[in-house]
Amino acid sequence: MAAPRYRIFFDTSVYLAALLSPRGASGQLVQLAEAGAVTMLVSERVVVESDQVLRRKFPDLIEESRLLWKGLAPEIAPAPTAAQLVPFRERLAPGDASILCSAHLAKVSLFTTWNTRDFMKPDVESLVSFPIVVPERALRNFRAWIQPFLE
């Protein structure tokens, strides 16, 4: 039986961690996306934020990042409307609100981030119906999800 697609939304922090440390948990998630084992989702905001951080902190990685984006060809989650953003903006900074709302609109399997301080507060997690996890946990969740399809 063929497995349905497992849809993982990558926050900016996870994408950048994968770029900086390809052998870490974030890098392993990117490898799963490259192999077609998972569907990688991001929002336009994630792409813009990634580029801004790279320009500021790691300008020598901009070209590598562009090649990685091109190779990954992630699915771009829908941009939220002002009305859709309201409950998210009540609990998160504007950029984070936009990112999490985009993931919510895309109906992802999970959202992965290294920003545990902002995204993993109980009042934030209650906004969505999917887990918000760090990359290592995302890998464990994916493995647990796929196991029945491998048997």
C-alpha atoms as a PDB file:
ATOM      1  CA  MET A   1       0.000   0.000   0.000  1.00  0.00           C
ATOM      2  CA  ALA A   2       1.421   3.350  -1.000  1.00  0.00           C
ATOM      3  CA  ALA A   3       1.790   5.876   1.794  1.00  0.00           C
ATOM      4  CA  PRO A   4       0.068   9.251   1.514  1.00  0.00           C
ATOM      5  CA  ARG A   5       2.399  12.258   1.566  1.00  0.00           C
ATOM      6  CA  TYR A   6       3.731  13.460   4.904  1.00  0.00           C
ATOM      7  CA  ARG A   7       3.687  17.257   4.773  1.00  0.00           C
ATOM      8  CA  ILE A   8       6.274  19.051   6.912  1.00  0.00           C
ATOM      9  CA  PHE A   9       6.342  22.827   7.220  1.00  0.00           C
ATOM     10  CA  PHE A  10       9.909  24.088   7.683  1.00  0.00           C
ATOM     11  CA  ASP A  11      10.337  27.251   9.720  1.00  0.00           C
ATOM     12  CA  THR A  12      13.183  29.591   8.784  1.00  0.00           C
ATOM     13  CA  SER A  13      15.326  28.324  11.654  1.00  0.00           C
ATOM     14  CA  VAL A  14      15.147  24.730  10.404  1.00  0.00           C
ATOM     15  CA  TYR A  15      16.026  25.634   6.816  1.00  0.00           C
ATOM     16  CA  LEU A  16      19.019  27.687   7.980  1.00  0.00           C
ATOM     17  CA  ALA A  17      20.165  24.953  10.370  1.00  0.00           C
ATOM     18  CA  ALA A  18      20.056  22.452   7.485  1.00  0.00           C
ATOM     19  CA  LEU A  19      22.138  24.771   5.340  1.00  0.00           C
ATOM     20  CA  LEU A  20      24.689  25.321   8.112  1.00  0.00           C
ATOM     21  CA  SER A  21      24.797  21.743   9.396  1.00  0.00           C
ATOM     22  CA  PRO A  22      23.650  19.236   6.749  1.00  0.00           C
ATOM     23  CA  ARG A  23      24.327  16.241   9.019  1.00  0.00           C
ATOM     24  CA  GLY A  24      22.085  17.450  11.852  1.00  0.00           C
ATOM     25  CA  ALA A  25      18.401  16.715  12.313  1.00  0.00           C
ATOM     26  CA  SER A  26      17.414  19.688  10.127  1.00  0.00           C
ATOM     27  CA  GLY A  27      19.731  18.441   7.395  1.00  0.00           C
ATOM     28  CA  GLN A  28      18.205  14.967   7.646  1.00  0.00           C
ATOM     29  CA  LEU A  29      14.746  16.469   7.129  1.00  0.00           C
ATOM     30  CA  VAL A  30      15.994  18.277   4.036  1.00  0.00           C
ATOM     31  CA  GLN A  31      17.436  14.976   2.769  1.00  0.00           C
ATOM     32  CA  LEU A  32      14.014  13.347   3.213  1.00  0.00           C
ATOM     33  CA  ALA A  33      12.502  16.193   1.179  1.00  0.00           C
ATOM     34  CA  GLU A  34      15.188  15.854  -1.511  1.00  0.00           C
ATOM     35  CA  ALA A  35      14.491  12.113  -1.711  1.00  0.00           C
ATOM     36  CA  GLY A  36      10.761  12.736  -2.069  1.00  0.00           C
ATOM     37  CA  ALA A  37       9.942  10.901   1.161  1.00  0.00           C
ATOM     38  CA  VAL A  38       8.222  13.991   2.596  1.00  0.00           C
ATOM     39  CA  THR A  39       6.678  17.085   1.111  1.00  0.00           C
ATOM     40  CA  MET A  40       8.538  20.186   2.257  1.00  0.00           C
ATOM     41  CA  LEU A  41       6.377  23.262   2.732  1.00  0.00           C
ATOM     42  CA  VAL A  42       7.446  26.816   3.433  1.00  0.00           C
ATOM     43  CA  SER A  43       5.826  30.198   3.083  1.00  0.00           C
ATOM     44  CA  GLU A  44       7.084  33.142   1.103  1.00  0.00           C
ATOM     45  CA  ARG A  45       7.902  34.714   4.478  1.00  0.00           C
ATOM     46  CA  VAL A  46      10.267  31.809   5.289  1.00  0.00           C
ATOM     47  CA  VAL A  47      12.116  32.288   1.992  1.00  0.00           C
ATOM     48  CA  VAL A  48      12.414  36.062   2.557  1.00  0.00           C
ATOM     49  CA  GLU A  49      13.527  35.663   6.193  1.00  0.00           C
ATOM     50  CA  SER A  50      16.113  33.064   5.217  1.00  0.00           C
ATOM     51  CA  ASP A  51      17.575  35.376   2.616  1.00  0.00           C
ATOM     52  CA  GLN A  52      17.640  38.300   5.074  1.00  0.00           C
ATOM     53  CA  VAL A  53      19.453  36.274   7.733  1.00  0.00           C
ATOM     54  CA  LEU A  54      21.954  34.952   5.210  1.00  0.00           C
ATOM     55  CA  ARG A  55      22.689  38.434   3.879  1.00  0.00           C
ATOM     56  CA  ARG A  56      23.260  39.695   7.415  1.00  0.00           C
ATOM     57  CA  LYS A  57      25.128  36.775   8.978  1.00  0.00           C
ATOM     58  CA  PHE A  58      26.313  34.350   6.277  1.00  0.00           C
ATOM     59  CA  PRO A  59      26.639  36.190   2.947  1.00  0.00           C
ATOM     60  CA  ASP A  60      28.981  33.513   1.601  1.00  0.00           C
ATOM     61  CA  LEU A  61      26.091  30.998   1.763  1.00  0.00           C
ATOM     62  CA  ILE A  62      23.579  32.956  -0.334  1.00  0.00           C
ATOM     63  CA  GLU A  63      24.429  31.205  -3.597  1.00  0.00           C
ATOM     64  CA  GLU A  64      24.416  27.789  -1.930  1.00  0.00           C
ATOM     65  CA  SER A  65      21.020  28.611  -0.440  1.00  0.00           C
ATOM     66  CA  ARG A  66      19.586  29.586  -3.805  1.00  0.00           C
ATOM     67  CA  LEU A  67      20.781  26.315  -5.304  1.00  0.00           C
ATOM     68  CA  LEU A  68      19.295  24.386  -2.399  1.00  0.00           C
ATOM     69  CA  TRP A  69      15.918  26.140  -2.761  1.00  0.00           C
ATOM     70  CA  LYS A  70      15.957  25.364  -6.472  1.00  0.00           C
ATOM     71  CA  GLY A  71      16.769  21.704  -5.882  1.00  0.00           C
ATOM     72  CA  LEU A  72      14.215  21.281  -3.124  1.00  0.00           C
ATOM     73  CA  ALA A  73      11.422  23.123  -4.937  1.00  0.00           C
ATOM     74  CA  PRO A  74       9.302  23.228  -1.783  1.00  0.00           C
ATOM     75  CA  GLU A  75       5.565  23.678  -1.899  1.00  0.00           C
ATOM     76  CA  ILE A  76       4.701  27.268  -1.036  1.00  0.00           C
ATOM     77  CA  ALA A  77       1.943  27.475   1.554  1.00  0.00           C
ATOM     78  CA  PRO A  78      -0.834  29.992   0.984  1.00  0.00           C
ATOM     79  CA  ALA A  79      -0.388  33.544   2.234  1.00  0.00           C
ATOM     80  CA  PRO A  80      -2.917  34.354   4.942  1.00  0.00           C
ATOM     81  CA  THR A  81      -5.416  37.163   4.685  1.00  0.00           C
ATOM     82  CA  ALA A  82      -5.588  39.875   7.348  1.00  0.00           C
ATOM     83  CA  ALA A  83      -8.683  38.231   8.812  1.00  0.00           C
ATOM     84  CA  GLN A  84      -7.036  34.804   8.976  1.00  0.00           C
ATOM     85  CA  LEU A  85      -4.048  36.313  10.788  1.00  0.00           C
ATOM     86  CA  VAL A  86      -6.035  37.883  13.643  1.00  0.00           C
ATOM     87  CA  PRO A  87      -5.861  35.020  16.194  1.00  0.00           C
ATOM     88  CA  PHE A  88      -2.218  34.326  15.311  1.00  0.00           C
ATOM     89  CA  ARG A  89      -1.191  37.988  15.711  1.00  0.00           C
ATOM     90  CA  GLU A  90      -2.778  38.032  19.159  1.00  0.00           C
ATOM     91  CA  ARG A  91      -0.179  35.487  20.311  1.00  0.00           C
ATOM     92  CA  LEU A  92       2.840  35.893  18.015  1.00  0.00           C
ATOM     93  CA  ALA A  93       4.990  38.598  16.466  1.00  0.00           C
ATOM     94  CA  PRO A  94       3.792  39.523  12.951  1.00  0.00           C
ATOM     95  CA  GLY A  95       6.373  37.457  11.028  1.00  0.00           C
ATOM     96  CA  ASP A  96       5.882  34.359  13.169  1.00  0.00           C
ATOM     97  CA  ALA A  97       2.105  34.797  12.999  1.00  0.00           C
ATOM     98  CA  SER A  98       2.228  34.845   9.210  1.00  0.00           C
ATOM     99  CA  ILE A  99       4.429  31.742   9.069  1.00  0.00           C
ATOM    100  CA  LEU A 100       2.318  29.654  11.449  1.00  0.00           C
ATOM    101  CA  CYS A 101      -0.937  30.781   9.841  1.00  0.00           C
ATOM    102  CA  SER A 102       0.421  29.753   6.423  1.00  0.00           C
ATOM    103  CA  ALA A 103       1.225  26.303   7.818  1.00  0.00           C
ATOM    104  CA  HIS A 104      -2.284  26.103   9.265  1.00  0.00           C
ATOM    105  CA  LEU A 105      -3.840  26.990   5.905  1.00  0.00           C
ATOM    106  CA  ALA A 106      -1.699  24.366   4.132  1.00  0.00           C
ATOM    107  CA  LYS A 107      -2.984  21.582   6.400  1.00  0.00           C
ATOM    108  CA  VAL A 108       0.455  20.190   7.185  1.00  0.00           C
ATOM    109  CA  SER A 109       1.267  17.020   9.102  1.00  0.00           C
ATOM    110  CA  LEU A 110       3.597  18.940  11.394  1.00  0.00           C
ATOM    111  CA  PHE A 111       5.478  22.203  11.814  1.00  0.00           C
ATOM    112  CA  THR A 112       9.163  22.061  12.675  1.00  0.00           C
ATOM    113  CA  THR A 113      11.162  24.895  14.209  1.00  0.00           C
ATOM    114  CA  TRP A 114      14.071  25.682  16.470  1.00  0.00           C
ATOM    115  CA  ASN A 115      12.132  28.700  17.825  1.00  0.00           C
ATOM    116  CA  THR A 116      10.748  26.907  20.857  1.00  0.00           C
ATOM    117  CA  ARG A 117      10.363  30.112  22.871  1.00  0.00           C
ATOM    118  CA  ASP A 118       7.692  31.594  20.614  1.00  0.00           C
ATOM    119  CA  PHE A 119       6.051  28.721  18.755  1.00  0.00           C
ATOM    120  CA  MET A 120       5.774  26.163  21.558  1.00  0.00           C
ATOM    121  CA  LYS A 121       3.821  28.182  24.086  1.00  0.00           C
ATOM    122  CA  PRO A 122       0.527  26.410  24.964  1.00  0.00           C
ATOM    123  CA  ASP A 123      -1.573  29.361  23.794  1.00  0.00           C
ATOM    124  CA  VAL A 124       0.183  29.208  20.407  1.00  0.00           C
ATOM    125  CA  GLU A 125      -0.034  25.438  19.966  1.00  0.00           C
ATOM    126  CA  SER A 126      -3.781  25.626  20.594  1.00  0.00           C
ATOM    127  CA  LEU A 127      -4.178  27.639  17.362  1.00  0.00           C
ATOM    128  CA  VAL A 128      -3.331  24.643  15.173  1.00  0.00           C
ATOM    129  CA  SER A 129      -4.263  20.987  14.838  1.00  0.00           C
ATOM    130  CA  PHE A 130      -0.757  19.689  14.097  1.00  0.00           C
ATOM    131  CA  PRO A 131       2.284  19.214  16.325  1.00  0.00           C
ATOM    132  CA  ILE A 132       4.887  21.966  16.577  1.00  0.00           C
ATOM    133  CA  VAL A 133       8.202  20.199  17.150  1.00  0.00           C
ATOM    134  CA  VAL A 134      11.967  20.540  16.914  1.00  0.00           C
ATOM    135  CA  PRO A 135      13.612  18.728  13.968  1.00  0.00           C
ATOM    136  CA  GLU A 136      14.710  15.669  15.953  1.00  0.00           C
ATOM    137  CA  ARG A 137      11.117  15.127  17.066  1.00  0.00           C
ATOM    138  CA  ALA A 138       9.918  15.698  13.481  1.00  0.00           C
ATOM    139  CA  LEU A 139      12.168  12.835  12.373  1.00  0.00           C
ATOM    140  CA  ARG A 140      10.743  10.567  15.089  1.00  0.00           C
ATOM    141  CA  ASN A 141       7.176  11.515  14.183  1.00  0.00           C
ATOM    142  CA  PHE A 142       7.822  10.787  10.520  1.00  0.00           C
ATOM    143  CA  ARG A 143       9.393   7.421  11.284  1.00  0.00           C
ATOM    144  CA  ALA A 144       6.458   6.447  13.504  1.00  0.00           C
ATOM    145  CA  TRP A 145       4.009   7.591  10.829  1.00  0.00           C
ATOM    146  CA  ILE A 146       5.674   5.690   7.965  1.00  0.00           C
ATOM    147  CA  GLN A 147       6.337   2.434   9.845  1.00  0.00           C
ATOM    148  CA  PRO A 148       2.890   0.863   9.176  1.00  0.00           C
ATOM    149  CA  PHE A 149       3.319   1.494   5.449  1.00  0.00           C
ATOM    150  CA  LEU A 150       6.624  -0.381   5.468  1.00  0.00           C
ATOM    151  CA  GLU A 151       5.234  -3.524   7.088  1.00  0.00           C
END
